[in-house]
Amino acid sequence: MRNAVGSVLTITGWVGWTLCGFGGLALCLHILHSTAGLAGVTLGFLLSPVTFIATPWFALAALHTWTPLLVCYAGGFVSTSLIGIGAGIRD
């Protein structure tokens, strides 16, 4: 039973991590499109790690919205926590 619960938590964490990653990147690229146009999206896609790190903070400072920060950082933290808890339960 412990193994099943740990597996469910781990799988849920990986699915959440993937969804938050791709959803956060899409949200960041949308913000870049609204502010910098197609050139911003092109550079943002080519520099995806920088986009994923910097754009949520830009959105908070310039656009006064918490959503990208919550999706990128809080979603990643919760998902990583689920993966760790699930792996700990399975062992």
Protein backbone atom coordinates (compact mmCIF):
# COMPACT_ATOMS: atom_id res chain seq x y z
CA MET A 1 0.00 0.00 0.00
CA ARG A 2 2.85 2.39 0.82
CA ASN A 3 4.42 1.67 -2.54
CA ALA A 4 1.16 2.53 -4.35
CA VAL A 5 0.73 5.82 -2.45
CA GLY A 6 4.35 6.76 -3.10
CA SER A 7 3.98 5.98 -6.79
CA VAL A 8 0.80 8.06 -7.07
CA LEU A 9 2.47 11.03 -5.36
CA THR A 10 5.55 10.73 -7.54
CA ILE A 11 3.53 10.50 -10.76
CA THR A 12 1.34 13.40 -9.68
CA GLY A 13 4.47 15.44 -8.97
CA TRP A 14 5.99 14.69 -12.37
CA VAL A 15 2.74 15.51 -14.19
CA GLY A 16 2.41 18.76 -12.22
CA TRP A 17 6.05 19.62 -12.84
CA THR A 18 5.61 19.08 -16.59
CA LEU A 19 2.36 21.06 -16.75
CA CYS A 20 3.76 23.93 -14.71
CA GLY A 21 6.91 23.96 -16.83
CA PHE A 22 5.20 24.06 -20.19
CA GLY A 23 2.33 26.22 -18.92
CA GLY A 24 4.76 28.64 -17.31
CA LEU A 25 6.85 28.86 -20.45
CA ALA A 26 3.73 29.49 -22.55
CA LEU A 27 2.58 32.16 -20.10
CA CYS A 28 6.02 33.80 -20.16
CA LEU A 29 6.09 33.76 -23.96
CA HIS A 30 2.61 35.32 -24.00
CA ILE A 31 3.84 38.11 -21.72
CA LEU A 32 6.83 38.64 -24.00
CA HIS A 33 4.52 38.75 -27.02
CA SER A 34 2.34 41.40 -25.37
CA THR A 35 5.30 43.58 -24.45
CA ALA A 36 7.99 42.95 -27.09
CA GLY A 37 6.17 41.39 -30.04
CA LEU A 38 7.41 38.58 -32.25
CA ALA A 39 11.07 39.46 -31.73
CA GLY A 40 10.61 39.06 -27.97
CA VAL A 41 8.94 35.69 -28.42
CA THR A 42 11.71 34.48 -30.73
CA LEU A 43 14.45 35.53 -28.32
CA GLY A 44 12.45 34.25 -25.37
CA PHE A 45 12.04 30.85 -26.98
CA LEU A 46 15.73 30.64 -27.88
CA LEU A 47 16.68 31.65 -24.34
CA SER A 48 14.02 29.56 -22.60
CA PRO A 49 15.81 29.13 -19.24
CA VAL A 50 16.37 32.87 -18.95
CA THR A 51 12.77 33.50 -19.99
CA PHE A 52 11.47 31.07 -17.39
CA ILE A 53 13.52 32.77 -14.64
CA ALA A 54 13.25 36.46 -15.53
CA THR A 55 9.80 36.96 -17.08
CA PRO A 56 7.72 36.15 -13.95
CA TRP A 57 9.67 38.78 -12.01
CA PHE A 58 9.18 41.27 -14.85
CA ALA A 59 5.45 40.54 -14.81
CA LEU A 60 5.33 41.16 -11.08
CA ALA A 61 7.31 44.41 -11.25
CA ALA A 62 5.92 45.95 -14.44
CA LEU A 63 2.49 44.39 -14.90
CA HIS A 64 1.62 43.85 -11.20
CA THR A 65 0.46 40.28 -11.67
CA TRP A 66 1.44 37.31 -9.51
CA THR A 67 0.17 34.60 -11.85
CA PRO A 68 3.41 33.83 -13.76
CA LEU A 69 5.39 33.77 -10.53
CA LEU A 70 2.93 31.36 -8.94
CA VAL A 71 2.80 29.07 -11.97
CA CYS A 72 6.56 28.95 -12.53
CA TYR A 73 7.97 28.97 -9.01
CA ALA A 74 5.21 27.80 -6.66
CA GLY A 75 4.07 25.11 -9.10
CA GLY A 76 7.61 23.86 -9.46
CA PHE A 77 8.15 23.87 -5.69
CA VAL A 78 4.94 21.96 -4.94
CA SER A 79 5.59 19.45 -7.73
CA THR A 80 9.17 18.85 -6.63
CA SER A 81 7.95 18.38 -3.06
CA LEU A 82 5.43 15.77 -4.22
CA ILE A 83 8.15 13.93 -6.13
CA GLY A 84 10.40 13.91 -3.06
CA ILE A 85 7.66 12.82 -0.67
CA GLY A 86 6.55 10.07 -3.05
CA ALA A 87 10.09 8.82 -3.47
CA GLY A 88 10.57 8.84 0.30
CA ILE A 89 7.41 6.84 0.88
CA ARG A 90 8.31 4.23 -1.75
CA ASP A 91 11.72 3.54 -0.22
